[in-house]
PDB file of N, CA and C in Angstrom:
ATOM      1  N   UNK A   1       0.811  -1.240   0.094  1.00  0.00           N
ATOM      2  CA  UNK A   1       0.004   0.013   0.021  1.00  0.00           C
ATOM      3  C   UNK A   1       0.948   1.276   0.039  1.00  0.00           C
ATOM      4  N   UNK A   2       0.537   2.257  -0.506  1.00  0.00           N
ATOM      5  CA  UNK A   2       1.253   3.427  -0.682  1.00  0.00           C
ATOM      6  C   UNK A   2       0.360   4.490  -0.561  1.00  0.00           C
ATOM      7  N   UNK A   3       0.418   5.565   0.438  1.00  0.00           N
ATOM      8  CA  UNK A   3      -0.569   6.695   0.728  1.00  0.00           C
ATOM      9  C   UNK A   3       0.523   7.729   0.594  1.00  0.00           C
ATOM     10  N   UNK A   4       0.105   8.899  -0.124  1.00  0.00           N
ATOM     11  CA  UNK A   4       0.593  10.149  -0.301  1.00  0.00           C
ATOM     12  C   UNK A   4      -0.151  11.202   0.554  1.00  0.00           C
ATOM     13  N   UNK A   5       0.547  11.897   1.385  1.00  0.00           N
ATOM     14  CA  UNK A   5      -0.129  12.959   2.101  1.00  0.00           C
ATOM     15  C   UNK A   5       0.605  14.240   2.063  1.00  0.00           C
ATOM     16  N   UNK A   6      -0.273  15.170   1.480  1.00  0.00           N
ATOM     17  CA  UNK A   6       0.284  16.448   1.379  1.00  0.00           C
ATOM     18  C   UNK A   6      -0.472  17.594   2.053  1.00  0.00           C
ATOM     19  N   UNK A   7       0.217  18.033   3.164  1.00  0.00           N
ATOM     20  CA  UNK A   7      -0.390  19.031   4.031  1.00  0.00           C
ATOM     21  C   UNK A   7      -0.351  20.364   3.438  1.00  0.00           C
ATOM     22  N   UNK A   8       0.895  20.825   2.850  1.00  0.00           N
ATOM     23  CA  UNK A   8       0.964  22.157   2.312  1.00  0.00           C
ATOM     24  C   UNK A   8       2.337  22.566   2.987  1.00  0.00           C
ATOM     25  N   UNK A   9       2.491  23.782   3.423  1.00  0.00           N
ATOM     26  CA  UNK A   9       3.821  24.116   3.864  1.00  0.00           C
ATOM     27  C   UNK A   9       4.112  23.957   5.143  1.00  0.00           C
ATOM     28  N   UNK A  10       4.934  23.065   5.637  1.00  0.00           N
ATOM     29  CA  UNK A  10       5.199  22.744   7.068  1.00  0.00           C
ATOM     30  C   UNK A  10       6.602  23.301   7.178  1.00  0.00           C
ATOM     31  N   UNK A  11       6.673  24.059   8.321  1.00  0.00           N
ATOM     32  CA  UNK A  11       7.842  24.884   8.519  1.00  0.00           C
ATOM     33  C   UNK A  11       9.058  23.934   9.137  1.00  0.00           C
ATOM     34  N   UNK A  12       9.727  23.436   8.166  1.00  0.00           N
ATOM     35  CA  UNK A  12      10.817  22.654   8.341  1.00  0.00           C
ATOM     36  C   UNK A  12      11.995  23.229   7.628  1.00  0.00           C
ATOM     37  N   UNK A  13      13.364  22.695   7.668  1.00  0.00           N
ATOM     38  CA  UNK A  13      14.325  23.174   7.067  1.00  0.00           C
ATOM     39  C   UNK A  13      14.118  22.797   5.599  1.00  0.00           C
ATOM     40  N   UNK A  14      13.515  21.782   5.206  1.00  0.00           N
ATOM     41  CA  UNK A  14      13.139  21.501   3.871  1.00  0.00           C
ATOM     42  C   UNK A  14      12.514  22.590   2.956  1.00  0.00           C
ATOM     43  N   UNK A  15      11.658  23.341   3.787  1.00  0.00           N
ATOM     44  CA  UNK A  15      10.842  24.310   2.969  1.00  0.00           C
ATOM     45  C   UNK A  15      11.213  25.723   3.527  1.00  0.00           C
ATOM     46  N   UNK A  16      12.221  25.916   4.173  1.00  0.00           N
ATOM     47  CA  UNK A  16      12.552  27.236   4.501  1.00  0.00           C
ATOM     48  C   UNK A  16      12.739  28.270   3.356  1.00  0.00           C
ATOM     49  N   UNK A  17      13.201  27.884   2.300  1.00  0.00           N
ATOM     50  CA  UNK A  17      13.313  28.762   1.163  1.00  0.00           C
ATOM     51  C   UNK A  17      12.168  29.276   0.637  1.00  0.00           C
ATOM     52  N   UNK A  18      10.899  28.617   0.934  1.00  0.00           N
ATOM     53  CA  UNK A  18       9.819  28.757   0.360  1.00  0.00           C
ATOM     54  C   UNK A  18       8.541  29.549   1.404  1.00  0.00           C
ATOM     55  N   UNK A  19       9.123  29.770   2.621  1.00  0.00           N
ATOM     56  CA  UNK A  19       8.317  30.429   3.561  1.00  0.00           C
ATOM     57  C   UNK A  19       7.907  31.743   3.255  1.00  0.00           C
ATOM     58  N   UNK A  20       8.749  32.542   2.733  1.00  0.00           N
ATOM     59  CA  UNK A  20       8.502  33.868   2.176  1.00  0.00           C
ATOM     60  C   UNK A  20       7.339  34.017   1.197  1.00  0.00           C
ATOM     61  N   UNK A  21       6.950  32.874   0.427  1.00  0.00           N
ATOM     62  CA  UNK A  21       6.037  33.045  -0.821  1.00  0.00           C
ATOM     63  C   UNK A  21       4.778  32.365  -0.062  1.00  0.00           C
ATOM     64  N   UNK A  22       4.605  32.123   1.040  1.00  0.00           N
ATOM     65  CA  UNK A  22       3.440  31.385   1.544  1.00  0.00           C
ATOM     66  C   UNK A  22       3.028  32.345   2.594  1.00  0.00           C
ATOM     67  N   UNK A  23       1.544  32.461   2.629  1.00  0.00           N
ATOM     68  CA  UNK A  23       0.750  33.422   3.704  1.00  0.00           C
ATOM     69  C   UNK A  23       1.143  32.864   4.916  1.00  0.00           C
ATOM     70  N   UNK A  24       1.458  33.661   5.854  1.00  0.00           N
ATOM     71  CA  UNK A  24       1.791  33.243   7.306  1.00  0.00           C
ATOM     72  C   UNK A  24       0.676  32.207   7.994  1.00  0.00           C
ATOM     73  N   UNK A  25      -0.512  32.563   7.553  1.00  0.00           N
ATOM     74  CA  UNK A  25      -1.577  31.557   8.292  1.00  0.00           C
ATOM     75  C   UNK A  25      -1.564  30.226   7.539  1.00  0.00           C
ATOM     76  N   UNK A  26      -0.796  29.866   6.331  1.00  0.00           N
ATOM     77  CA  UNK A  26      -0.686  28.640   5.686  1.00  0.00           C
ATOM     78  C   UNK A  26       0.616  27.939   6.179  1.00  0.00           C
ATOM     79  N   UNK A  27       1.473  28.378   7.069  1.00  0.00           N
ATOM     80  CA  UNK A  27       2.695  27.857   7.464  1.00  0.00           C
ATOM     81  C   UNK A  27       2.325  27.014   8.594  1.00  0.00           C
ATOM     82  N   UNK A  28       2.530  25.841   8.416  1.00  0.00           N
ATOM     83  CA  UNK A  28       2.119  24.646   9.437  1.00  0.00           C
ATOM     84  C   UNK A  28       3.191  24.569  10.417  1.00  0.00           C
ATOM     85  N   UNK A  29       2.902  24.415  11.566  1.00  0.00           N
ATOM     86  CA  UNK A  29       3.699  23.917  12.548  1.00  0.00           C
ATOM     87  C   UNK A  29       4.045  22.476  12.514  1.00  0.00           C
ATOM     88  N   UNK A  30       5.540  22.095  12.558  1.00  0.00           N
ATOM     89  CA  UNK A  30       5.727  20.621  12.462  1.00  0.00           C
ATOM     90  C   UNK A  30       5.147  19.569  13.383  1.00  0.00           C
ATOM     91  N   UNK A  31       5.026  19.984  14.687  1.00  0.00           N
ATOM     92  CA  UNK A  31       4.398  19.110  15.634  1.00  0.00           C
ATOM     93  C   UNK A  31       2.827  19.014  15.355  1.00  0.00           C
ATOM     94  N   UNK A  32       2.166  19.946  15.015  1.00  0.00           N
ATOM     95  CA  UNK A  32       0.861  19.950  14.634  1.00  0.00           C
ATOM     96  C   UNK A  32       0.732  19.032  13.372  1.00  0.00           C
ATOM     97  N   UNK A  33       1.519  19.303  12.421  1.00  0.00           N
ATOM     98  CA  UNK A  33       1.429  18.327  11.188  1.00  0.00           C
ATOM     99  C   UNK A  33       1.700  16.844  11.365  1.00  0.00           C
ATOM    100  N   UNK A  34       2.570  16.673  12.203  1.00  0.00           N
ATOM    101  CA  UNK A  34       2.928  15.132  12.630  1.00  0.00           C
ATOM    102  C   UNK A  34       1.669  14.694  13.351  1.00  0.00           C
ATOM    103  N   UNK A  35       0.984  15.253  14.331  1.00  0.00           N
ATOM    104  CA  UNK A  35      -0.058  14.757  14.942  1.00  0.00           C
ATOM    105  C   UNK A  35      -1.269  14.583  13.813  1.00  0.00           C
ATOM    106  N   UNK A  36      -1.511  15.635  12.957  1.00  0.00           N
ATOM    107  CA  UNK A  36      -2.697  15.448  12.064  1.00  0.00           C
ATOM    108  C   UNK A  36      -2.365  14.216  11.081  1.00  0.00           C
ATOM    109  N   UNK A  37      -0.980  14.128  10.720  1.00  0.00           N
ATOM    110  CA  UNK A  37      -0.795  12.757   9.867  1.00  0.00           C
ATOM    111  C   UNK A  37      -0.989  11.541  10.647  1.00  0.00           C
ATOM    112  N   UNK A  38      -0.636  11.324  11.788  1.00  0.00           N
ATOM    113  CA  UNK A  38      -0.907  10.191  12.621  1.00  0.00           C
ATOM    114  C   UNK A  38      -2.522  10.065  12.841  1.00  0.00           C
ATOM    115  N   UNK A  39      -3.118  11.084  13.148  1.00  0.00           N
ATOM    116  CA  UNK A  39      -4.564  11.028  13.256  1.00  0.00           C
ATOM    117  C   UNK A  39      -5.205  10.560  12.121  1.00  0.00           C
ATOM    118  N   UNK A  40      -4.848  11.035  10.834  1.00  0.00           N
ATOM    119  CA  UNK A  40      -5.356  10.660   9.533  1.00  0.00           C
ATOM    120  C   UNK A  40      -5.079   9.116   9.282  1.00  0.00           C
ATOM    121  N   UNK A  41      -4.036   8.629   9.756  1.00  0.00           N
ATOM    122  CA  UNK A  41      -3.653   7.215   9.489  1.00  0.00           C
ATOM    123  C   UNK A  41      -4.491   6.350  10.367  1.00  0.00           C
ATOM    124  N   UNK A  42      -4.954   6.872  11.595  1.00  0.00           N
ATOM    125  CA  UNK A  42      -5.792   6.194  12.396  1.00  0.00           C
ATOM    126  C   UNK A  42      -7.304   6.236  12.311  1.00  0.00           C
ATOM    127  N   UNK A  43      -7.639   7.409  11.806  1.00  0.00           N
ATOM    128  CA  UNK A  43      -9.099   7.455  11.556  1.00  0.00           C
ATOM    129  C   UNK A  43      -9.673   7.789  10.218  1.00  0.00           C
ATOM    130  N   UNK A  44      -8.719   8.295   9.320  1.00  0.00           N
ATOM    131  CA  UNK A  44      -9.271   8.668   8.010  1.00  0.00           C
ATOM    132  C   UNK A  44      -9.718  10.092   8.042  1.00  0.00           C
ATOM    133  N   UNK A  45     -10.114  10.734   6.747  1.00  0.00           N
ATOM    134  CA  UNK A  45     -10.472  11.862   6.579  1.00  0.00           C
ATOM    135  C   UNK A  45     -11.864  12.049   5.919  1.00  0.00           C
ATOM    136  N   UNK A  46     -12.859  12.756   6.360  1.00  0.00           N
ATOM    137  CA  UNK A  46     -14.120  12.788   5.702  1.00  0.00           C
ATOM    138  C   UNK A  46     -14.675  11.506   5.447  1.00  0.00           C
ATOM    139  N   UNK A  47     -14.621  10.341   6.293  1.00  0.00           N
ATOM    140  CA  UNK A  47     -15.036   9.193   5.957  1.00  0.00           C
ATOM    141  C   UNK A  47     -14.308   8.248   5.123  1.00  0.00           C
ATOM    142  N   UNK A  48     -12.998   8.884   4.692  1.00  0.00           N
ATOM    143  CA  UNK A  48     -12.151   8.080   3.618  1.00  0.00           C
ATOM    144  C   UNK A  48     -11.223   7.227   4.557  1.00  0.00           C
ATOM    145  N   UNK A  49     -11.346   6.120   4.675  1.00  0.00           N
ATOM    146  CA  UNK A  49     -10.485   5.171   5.545  1.00  0.00           C
ATOM    147  C   UNK A  49      -9.523   4.714   4.681  1.00  0.00           C
ATOM    148  N   UNK A  50      -8.188   4.821   5.405  1.00  0.00           N
ATOM    149  CA  UNK A  50      -7.136   4.280   4.578  1.00  0.00           C
ATOM    150  C   UNK A  50      -6.973   2.740   4.813  1.00  0.00           C
ATOM    151  N   UNK A  51      -6.959   1.861   3.753  1.00  0.00           N
ATOM    152  CA  UNK A  51      -7.033   0.331   4.063  1.00  0.00           C
ATOM    153  C   UNK A  51      -5.947  -0.061   3.059  1.00  0.00           C
ATOM    154  N   UNK A  52      -5.936  -1.322   3.026  1.00  0.00           N
ATOM    155  CA  UNK A  52      -4.906  -2.272   2.389  1.00  0.00           C
ATOM    156  C   UNK A  52      -5.366  -3.061   1.115  1.00  0.00           C
ATOM    157  N   UNK A  53      -6.185  -2.347   0.421  1.00  0.00           N
ATOM    158  CA  UNK A  53      -6.864  -2.985  -0.689  1.00  0.00           C
ATOM    159  C   UNK A  53      -5.896  -2.783  -1.905  1.00  0.00           C
ATOM    160  N   UNK A  54      -4.953  -2.097  -1.893  1.00  0.00           N
ATOM    161  CA  UNK A  54      -4.085  -2.033  -3.180  1.00  0.00           C
ATOM    162  C   UNK A  54      -4.008  -0.817  -3.841  1.00  0.00           C
ATOM    163  N   UNK A  55      -5.009   0.016  -3.556  1.00  0.00           N
ATOM    164  CA  UNK A  55      -5.119   1.317  -4.412  1.00  0.00           C
ATOM    165  C   UNK A  55      -4.334   2.288  -3.791  1.00  0.00           C
ATOM    166  N   UNK A  56      -3.869   3.243  -4.449  1.00  0.00           N
ATOM    167  CA  UNK A  56      -2.973   4.511  -4.036  1.00  0.00           C
ATOM    168  C   UNK A  56      -3.688   5.720  -4.051  1.00  0.00           C
ATOM    169  N   UNK A  57      -3.687   6.395  -3.014  1.00  0.00           N
ATOM    170  CA  UNK A  57      -4.256   7.768  -3.189  1.00  0.00           C
ATOM    171  C   UNK A  57      -3.306   8.862  -2.512  1.00  0.00           C
ATOM    172  N   UNK A  58      -3.594  10.164  -2.953  1.00  0.00           N
ATOM    173  CA  UNK A  58      -2.974  11.253  -2.213  1.00  0.00           C
ATOM    174  C   UNK A  58      -3.934  12.181  -2.047  1.00  0.00           C
ATOM    175  N   UNK A  59      -4.141  12.564  -0.708  1.00  0.00           N
ATOM    176  CA  UNK A  59      -4.901  13.543  -0.109  1.00  0.00           C
ATOM    177  C   UNK A  59      -4.252  14.926   0.273  1.00  0.00           C
ATOM    178  N   UNK A  60      -4.876  16.071   0.142  1.00  0.00           N
ATOM    179  CA  UNK A  60      -4.244  17.267   0.790  1.00  0.00           C
ATOM    180  C   UNK A  60      -4.975  17.427   2.165  1.00  0.00           C
ATOM    181  N   UNK A  61      -4.561  18.603   2.761  1.00  0.00           N
ATOM    182  CA  UNK A  61      -4.866  18.679   4.372  1.00  0.00           C
ATOM    183  C   UNK A  61      -6.572  18.928   4.347  1.00  0.00           C
ATOM    184  N   UNK A  62      -7.231  19.184   3.382  1.00  0.00           N
ATOM    185  CA  UNK A  62      -8.542  19.324   3.489  1.00  0.00           C
ATOM    186  C   UNK A  62      -9.299  18.063   3.043  1.00  0.00           C
ATOM    187  N   UNK A  63      -8.589  16.937   2.752  1.00  0.00           N
ATOM    188  CA  UNK A  63      -9.244  15.737   2.447  1.00  0.00           C
ATOM    189  C   UNK A  63      -9.608  15.533   0.958  1.00  0.00           C
ATOM    190  N   UNK A  64      -9.018  16.502   0.072  1.00  0.00           N
ATOM    191  CA  UNK A  64      -9.404  16.309  -1.358  1.00  0.00           C
ATOM    192  C   UNK A  64      -8.134  15.557  -1.962  1.00  0.00           C
ATOM    193  N   UNK A  65      -8.720  14.712  -3.046  1.00  0.00           N
ATOM    194  CA  UNK A  65      -7.661  13.846  -3.810  1.00  0.00           C
ATOM    195  C   UNK A  65      -6.757  14.638  -4.640  1.00  0.00           C
ATOM    196  N   UNK A  66      -5.401  14.438  -4.352  1.00  0.00           N
ATOM    197  CA  UNK A  66      -4.394  15.073  -5.197  1.00  0.00           C
ATOM    198  C   UNK A  66      -4.010  14.340  -6.394  1.00  0.00           C
ATOM    199  N   UNK A  67      -4.436  14.501  -7.715  1.00  0.00           N
ATOM    200  CA  UNK A  67      -3.996  13.852  -8.774  1.00  0.00           C
ATOM    201  C   UNK A  67      -2.554  13.379  -8.857  1.00  0.00           C
ATOM    202  N   UNK A  68      -2.403  12.303  -9.310  1.00  0.00           N
ATOM    203  CA  UNK A  68      -0.628  11.934  -9.466  1.00  0.00           C
ATOM    204  C   UNK A  68      -0.188  12.874 -10.457  1.00  0.00           C
TER     205      UNK A  68
END
């Protein structure tokens, strides 16, 4: 199973060069982002449960599918 999760701009060293191009309210705290990801894996988003049926999906922070 493969699951892609894209929250947006998490304030880590990896994204530091892009913080200035992101609205301050859209910059995510790393600890919050980690908790959100763990919660998603445990409970799903908007009724979309992550299972092991072999399909691959990628969701954004709002639970919308992100096309490959």
